[in-house]
């Protein structure tokens, strides 16, 4: 079970809200989020309701201001607890949409997609096992996208506006 506490002001001040499960719409609990504490579990935060918009992966720790979690603004409108996972992991990425073109399977983190795949763009993928985070830039930087097991026929299926992915890592093994 996880627990996260959202605060309206920086340095854990102002109105707060404790959450211990997925929440598709946080707007009635606080108007903006400038700091937070992850007391347990791993969490994905979303800029808009219903798990849309910029995504931020957070694990246990204190974040006294939104820039500490690489936030682009103080808007957090939904959150999802990421389950612990200790089984096997496997993802297949494709250079084209609808699972077309060159493909490659991965069972481990990839700090630089271009070095391993010879393409900067991932247009579709299959997550066979485990949970993954895509990052727009190499070395796990930039915008983040959470992928659960399933088929992603185009980059918009994982919430991206562009297929540019620089790196990715499996979750639950940090």
C-alpha atoms as a PDB file:
ATOM      1  CA  UNK A   1       0.000   0.000   0.000  1.00  0.00           C
ATOM      2  CA  UNK A   2       1.279   3.448  -0.860  1.00  0.00           C
ATOM      3  CA  UNK A   3       0.800   6.889   0.589  1.00  0.00           C
ATOM      4  CA  UNK A   4       1.423  10.312  -0.924  1.00  0.00           C
ATOM      5  CA  UNK A   5       0.691  13.736   0.605  1.00  0.00           C
ATOM      6  CA  UNK A   6       0.092  16.752  -1.654  1.00  0.00           C
ATOM      7  CA  UNK A   7       0.621  20.329  -0.387  1.00  0.00           C
ATOM      8  CA  UNK A   8      -0.591  23.523  -2.009  1.00  0.00           C
ATOM      9  CA  UNK A   9       2.439  25.575  -0.941  1.00  0.00           C
ATOM     10  CA  UNK A  10       6.163  25.021  -1.234  1.00  0.00           C
ATOM     11  CA  UNK A  11       8.044  23.379   1.629  1.00  0.00           C
ATOM     12  CA  UNK A  12       5.017  21.336   2.707  1.00  0.00           C
ATOM     13  CA  UNK A  13       2.836  24.286   3.639  1.00  0.00           C
ATOM     14  CA  UNK A  14      -0.768  25.200   3.045  1.00  0.00           C
ATOM     15  CA  UNK A  15      -3.709  22.901   2.541  1.00  0.00           C
ATOM     16  CA  UNK A  16      -2.783  19.212   2.175  1.00  0.00           C
ATOM     17  CA  UNK A  17      -4.369  16.015   0.935  1.00  0.00           C
ATOM     18  CA  UNK A  18      -3.331  12.420   1.700  1.00  0.00           C
ATOM     19  CA  UNK A  19      -3.887   9.766  -0.934  1.00  0.00           C
ATOM     20  CA  UNK A  20      -3.379   5.995  -0.795  1.00  0.00           C
ATOM     21  CA  UNK A  21      -4.899   4.834  -4.092  1.00  0.00           C
ATOM     22  CA  UNK A  22      -5.435   5.880  -7.699  1.00  0.00           C
ATOM     23  CA  UNK A  23      -7.366   9.125  -8.091  1.00  0.00           C
ATOM     24  CA  UNK A  24      -8.630  10.217 -11.522  1.00  0.00           C
ATOM     25  CA  UNK A  25      -9.522  13.758 -10.417  1.00  0.00           C
ATOM     26  CA  UNK A  26      -7.786  15.590  -7.565  1.00  0.00           C
ATOM     27  CA  UNK A  27      -9.133  19.086  -8.289  1.00  0.00           C
ATOM     28  CA  UNK A  28     -11.630  19.091  -5.408  1.00  0.00           C
ATOM     29  CA  UNK A  29      -8.857  18.411  -2.844  1.00  0.00           C
ATOM     30  CA  UNK A  30      -6.420  21.216  -3.753  1.00  0.00           C
ATOM     31  CA  UNK A  31      -6.137  23.967  -6.347  1.00  0.00           C
ATOM     32  CA  UNK A  32      -2.413  23.531  -7.095  1.00  0.00           C
ATOM     33  CA  UNK A  33       0.481  21.425  -5.840  1.00  0.00           C
ATOM     34  CA  UNK A  34       3.827  23.000  -4.996  1.00  0.00           C
ATOM     35  CA  UNK A  35       5.288  20.269  -2.783  1.00  0.00           C
ATOM     36  CA  UNK A  36       4.642  16.674  -1.771  1.00  0.00           C
ATOM     37  CA  UNK A  37       5.859  13.724   0.251  1.00  0.00           C
ATOM     38  CA  UNK A  38       5.839  10.161  -0.962  1.00  0.00           C
ATOM     39  CA  UNK A  39       5.729   8.189   2.262  1.00  0.00           C
ATOM     40  CA  UNK A  40       5.463   4.792   0.600  1.00  0.00           C
ATOM     41  CA  UNK A  41       5.025   3.212  -2.784  1.00  0.00           C
ATOM     42  CA  UNK A  42       5.796   4.436  -6.276  1.00  0.00           C
ATOM     43  CA  UNK A  43       3.517   6.968  -7.968  1.00  0.00           C
ATOM     44  CA  UNK A  44       2.830   8.471 -11.346  1.00  0.00           C
ATOM     45  CA  UNK A  45       1.403  11.997 -11.238  1.00  0.00           C
ATOM     46  CA  UNK A  46      -0.479  13.571 -14.131  1.00  0.00           C
ATOM     47  CA  UNK A  47      -0.974  17.212 -15.022  1.00  0.00           C
ATOM     48  CA  UNK A  48      -4.627  16.710 -16.060  1.00  0.00           C
ATOM     49  CA  UNK A  49      -7.571  14.636 -14.775  1.00  0.00           C
ATOM     50  CA  UNK A  50      -8.096  11.068 -15.966  1.00  0.00           C
ATOM     51  CA  UNK A  51      -4.366  10.304 -16.169  1.00  0.00           C
ATOM     52  CA  UNK A  52      -3.592  12.705 -19.033  1.00  0.00           C
ATOM     53  CA  UNK A  53      -0.984  15.361 -19.675  1.00  0.00           C
ATOM     54  CA  UNK A  54       2.606  15.516 -18.491  1.00  0.00           C
ATOM     55  CA  UNK A  55       3.528  12.560 -16.298  1.00  0.00           C
ATOM     56  CA  UNK A  56       5.946  12.430 -13.369  1.00  0.00           C
ATOM     57  CA  UNK A  57       7.265   9.268 -11.759  1.00  0.00           C
ATOM     58  CA  UNK A  58       7.991   9.618  -8.039  1.00  0.00           C
ATOM     59  CA  UNK A  59       9.285   7.208  -5.459  1.00  0.00           C
ATOM     60  CA  UNK A  60       9.653   7.546  -1.698  1.00  0.00           C
ATOM     61  CA  UNK A  61      11.028  10.914  -0.679  1.00  0.00           C
ATOM     62  CA  UNK A  62      10.345  14.584  -0.097  1.00  0.00           C
ATOM     63  CA  UNK A  63       9.802  17.073  -2.901  1.00  0.00           C
ATOM     64  CA  UNK A  64       9.705  20.608  -1.392  1.00  0.00           C
ATOM     65  CA  UNK A  65       8.888  22.275  -4.724  1.00  0.00           C
ATOM     66  CA  UNK A  66       7.484  21.039  -8.030  1.00  0.00           C
ATOM     67  CA  UNK A  67      10.780  21.538  -9.897  1.00  0.00           C
ATOM     68  CA  UNK A  68      12.265  18.738  -7.756  1.00  0.00           C
ATOM     69  CA  UNK A  69      10.061  16.202  -9.550  1.00  0.00           C
ATOM     70  CA  UNK A  70      10.873  17.852 -12.919  1.00  0.00           C
ATOM     71  CA  UNK A  71       7.438  19.466 -12.960  1.00  0.00           C
ATOM     72  CA  UNK A  72       6.603  21.975 -15.665  1.00  0.00           C
ATOM     73  CA  UNK A  73       3.940  23.628 -13.491  1.00  0.00           C
ATOM     74  CA  UNK A  74       2.188  23.278 -10.145  1.00  0.00           C
ATOM     75  CA  UNK A  75      -0.771  21.508 -11.750  1.00  0.00           C
ATOM     76  CA  UNK A  76      -1.344  17.928 -10.564  1.00  0.00           C
ATOM     77  CA  UNK A  77      -4.843  16.664 -11.317  1.00  0.00           C
ATOM     78  CA  UNK A  78      -4.622  12.853 -11.111  1.00  0.00           C
ATOM     79  CA  UNK A  79      -2.332  10.189  -9.683  1.00  0.00           C
ATOM     80  CA  UNK A  80      -1.815   6.478  -9.994  1.00  0.00           C
ATOM     81  CA  UNK A  81      -0.008   4.130  -7.633  1.00  0.00           C
ATOM     82  CA  UNK A  82       2.482   1.966  -9.512  1.00  0.00           C
ATOM     83  CA  UNK A  83       2.420  -1.652  -8.341  1.00  0.00           C
ATOM     84  CA  UNK A  84       5.590  -3.292  -7.128  1.00  0.00           C
ATOM     85  CA  UNK A  85       6.742  -5.807  -9.693  1.00  0.00           C
ATOM     86  CA  UNK A  86       9.471  -8.402  -9.330  1.00  0.00           C
ATOM     87  CA  UNK A  87       8.763 -10.819 -12.188  1.00  0.00           C
ATOM     88  CA  UNK A  88      10.214 -10.942 -15.665  1.00  0.00           C
ATOM     89  CA  UNK A  89       9.919  -7.924 -17.943  1.00  0.00           C
ATOM     90  CA  UNK A  90       9.784  -7.647 -21.724  1.00  0.00           C
ATOM     91  CA  UNK A  91       8.953  -4.906 -24.162  1.00  0.00           C
ATOM     92  CA  UNK A  92       9.074  -4.843 -27.978  1.00  0.00           C
ATOM     93  CA  UNK A  93       9.531  -1.513 -29.737  1.00  0.00           C
ATOM     94  CA  UNK A  94       8.849  -0.689 -33.394  1.00  0.00           C
ATOM     95  CA  UNK A  95      10.102   2.003 -35.732  1.00  0.00           C
ATOM     96  CA  UNK A  96       6.638   2.520 -37.268  1.00  0.00           C
ATOM     97  CA  UNK A  97       3.060   2.753 -36.069  1.00  0.00           C
ATOM     98  CA  UNK A  98       0.789  -0.285 -35.869  1.00  0.00           C
ATOM     99  CA  UNK A  99       3.774  -2.532 -35.087  1.00  0.00           C
ATOM    100  CA  UNK A 100       5.483  -1.971 -38.440  1.00  0.00           C
ATOM    101  CA  UNK A 101       9.083  -1.731 -39.534  1.00  0.00           C
ATOM    102  CA  UNK A 102      12.163  -2.685 -37.598  1.00  0.00           C
ATOM    103  CA  UNK A 103      11.516  -4.126 -34.145  1.00  0.00           C
ATOM    104  CA  UNK A 104      13.612  -5.015 -31.127  1.00  0.00           C
ATOM    105  CA  UNK A 105      12.885  -6.765 -27.816  1.00  0.00           C
ATOM    106  CA  UNK A 106      14.247  -5.524 -24.497  1.00  0.00           C
ATOM    107  CA  UNK A 107      14.340  -7.094 -21.050  1.00  0.00           C
ATOM    108  CA  UNK A 108      16.430  -4.388 -19.401  1.00  0.00           C
ATOM    109  CA  UNK A 109      16.794  -0.620 -19.203  1.00  0.00           C
ATOM    110  CA  UNK A 110      17.936   1.318 -22.257  1.00  0.00           C
ATOM    111  CA  UNK A 111      19.768   4.587 -21.426  1.00  0.00           C
ATOM    112  CA  UNK A 112      20.082   5.588 -25.091  1.00  0.00           C
ATOM    113  CA  UNK A 113      17.557   4.345 -27.655  1.00  0.00           C
ATOM    114  CA  UNK A 114      19.551   5.532 -30.666  1.00  0.00           C
ATOM    115  CA  UNK A 115      22.679   3.623 -29.571  1.00  0.00           C
ATOM    116  CA  UNK A 116      20.715   0.367 -29.280  1.00  0.00           C
ATOM    117  CA  UNK A 117      17.933   0.743 -31.876  1.00  0.00           C
ATOM    118  CA  UNK A 118      19.564   3.103 -34.427  1.00  0.00           C
ATOM    119  CA  UNK A 119      16.397   5.220 -34.474  1.00  0.00           C
ATOM    120  CA  UNK A 120      15.332   8.143 -32.290  1.00  0.00           C
ATOM    121  CA  UNK A 121      11.643   7.465 -32.657  1.00  0.00           C
ATOM    122  CA  UNK A 122       9.478   4.672 -31.303  1.00  0.00           C
ATOM    123  CA  UNK A 123       6.124   4.728 -33.068  1.00  0.00           C
ATOM    124  CA  UNK A 124       4.546   1.667 -31.421  1.00  0.00           C
ATOM    125  CA  UNK A 125       5.328  -1.012 -28.852  1.00  0.00           C
ATOM    126  CA  UNK A 126       4.053  -4.075 -27.039  1.00  0.00           C
ATOM    127  CA  UNK A 127       4.585  -4.343 -23.298  1.00  0.00           C
ATOM    128  CA  UNK A 128       4.448  -8.077 -22.708  1.00  0.00           C
ATOM    129  CA  UNK A 129       5.521  -8.142 -19.067  1.00  0.00           C
ATOM    130  CA  UNK A 130       6.281  -5.567 -16.407  1.00  0.00           C
ATOM    131  CA  UNK A 131       5.835  -1.826 -16.245  1.00  0.00           C
ATOM    132  CA  UNK A 132       8.027   0.686 -18.080  1.00  0.00           C
ATOM    133  CA  UNK A 133       8.733   4.414 -18.299  1.00  0.00           C
ATOM    134  CA  UNK A 134       9.671   6.076 -21.585  1.00  0.00           C
ATOM    135  CA  UNK A 135      11.712   9.304 -21.413  1.00  0.00           C
ATOM    136  CA  UNK A 136      11.933  11.824 -24.259  1.00  0.00           C
ATOM    137  CA  UNK A 137      15.693  12.274 -23.801  1.00  0.00           C
ATOM    138  CA  UNK A 138      18.621   9.888 -23.311  1.00  0.00           C
ATOM    139  CA  UNK A 139      19.782   8.989 -19.802  1.00  0.00           C
ATOM    140  CA  UNK A 140      16.287   9.070 -18.303  1.00  0.00           C
ATOM    141  CA  UNK A 141      15.618  12.791 -18.707  1.00  0.00           C
ATOM    142  CA  UNK A 142      12.770  14.853 -20.096  1.00  0.00           C
ATOM    143  CA  UNK A 143       9.082  14.083 -20.263  1.00  0.00           C
ATOM    144  CA  UNK A 144       8.013  10.698 -18.931  1.00  0.00           C
ATOM    145  CA  UNK A 145       5.406   8.193 -20.084  1.00  0.00           C
ATOM    146  CA  UNK A 146       4.166   5.255 -18.028  1.00  0.00           C
ATOM    147  CA  UNK A 147       3.397   2.016 -19.893  1.00  0.00           C
ATOM    148  CA  UNK A 148       1.557  -0.948 -18.410  1.00  0.00           C
ATOM    149  CA  UNK A 149       1.237  -4.330 -20.110  1.00  0.00           C
ATOM    150  CA  UNK A 150      -0.640  -3.933 -23.376  1.00  0.00           C
ATOM    151  CA  UNK A 151      -0.464  -2.808 -26.991  1.00  0.00           C
ATOM    152  CA  UNK A 152       0.426   0.754 -27.957  1.00  0.00           C
ATOM    153  CA  UNK A 153      -0.225   1.227 -31.686  1.00  0.00           C
ATOM    154  CA  UNK A 154       0.927   4.866 -31.781  1.00  0.00           C
ATOM    155  CA  UNK A 155       2.720   7.270 -29.471  1.00  0.00           C
ATOM    156  CA  UNK A 156      -0.550   8.976 -28.504  1.00  0.00           C
ATOM    157  CA  UNK A 157      -1.604   5.677 -26.883  1.00  0.00           C
ATOM    158  CA  UNK A 158       1.022   6.260 -24.159  1.00  0.00           C
ATOM    159  CA  UNK A 159       0.229   9.983 -23.943  1.00  0.00           C
ATOM    160  CA  UNK A 160       2.943  11.459 -26.158  1.00  0.00           C
ATOM    161  CA  UNK A 161       2.482  13.958 -28.955  1.00  0.00           C
ATOM    162  CA  UNK A 162       5.732  12.874 -30.604  1.00  0.00           C
ATOM    163  CA  UNK A 163       7.352   9.437 -31.066  1.00  0.00           C
ATOM    164  CA  UNK A 164      10.736  10.828 -29.879  1.00  0.00           C
ATOM    165  CA  UNK A 165      11.984   8.544 -27.093  1.00  0.00           C
ATOM    166  CA  UNK A 166      15.556   8.852 -25.857  1.00  0.00           C
ATOM    167  CA  UNK A 167      15.595   6.201 -23.128  1.00  0.00           C
ATOM    168  CA  UNK A 168      13.398   3.826 -21.145  1.00  0.00           C
ATOM    169  CA  UNK A 169      13.557   1.766 -17.960  1.00  0.00           C
ATOM    170  CA  UNK A 170      11.637  -0.963 -16.260  1.00  0.00           C
ATOM    171  CA  UNK A 171       9.788  -0.068 -13.097  1.00  0.00           C
ATOM    172  CA  UNK A 172       9.960  -1.630  -9.672  1.00  0.00           C
ATOM    173  CA  UNK A 173      13.656  -2.497  -9.946  1.00  0.00           C
ATOM    174  CA  UNK A 174      15.288   0.828  -8.991  1.00  0.00           C
END
